[in-house]
């Protein structure tokens, strides 16, 4: 019972750390520092890299993208490090699940940061970082799908949705651990769900391409 309680509270700590890391409001802070604006009041209303690119420009958008990716990488690597140094040998089979829980917490933290009233980004960049940390070949392949759709249609949301769908298939066919496969399905579905308004605009044919302005909220 003591071991189970220890594992339970350790899991809660990792979940909290993953959420805290993911919830760092990169896009919001960059918007405040550079322009004195709340990024959520402009463009799509997201604090993610796509809206930062659209509203703030290429360099700030690229900075937000890199930092948001690193948040996902950091959440998984932190869970891996803590697990390897805290878990008993008999509990190391739990480590892939611990990494996944930390990653999912970072995804939720990025899209629902407590500091911003639970209004954040769509978690695509953070999810990509998690993929790179879990399985870099799958992460690269997912990014390849994203880049292919982006080069063909120049619509970021469509590319993000395509990558979110592809990652589940890539995890399964590459023989990744069950925890990683379930993460891909859950996170991919969550990213698609977060793009509900984009899907509506795609269906209506009004979703902007790269370089096109977007109507203000």
Foldseek 3Di string as FASTA:
>chain_A
DVLVVVVVVVLVVLLVVLLVLLQPQLQQVLCCVPPNDGLLQWFPNASALVSCCQPVHDPSSVVRLVSLLVSLLVSLVVLLVCCVVPPDPVCVVCSLLSSLSSNVSSQQSQCQPPVVNGHHHLSLSSNLSNCCNQPVVLSVVLVVQLVVVCVVPQFNLVSSLRSLVVSLVSCVVVPHDPSSNVSSVVSSVSSVVSCVVVVVCVVVVNRDGPPDHGDGD
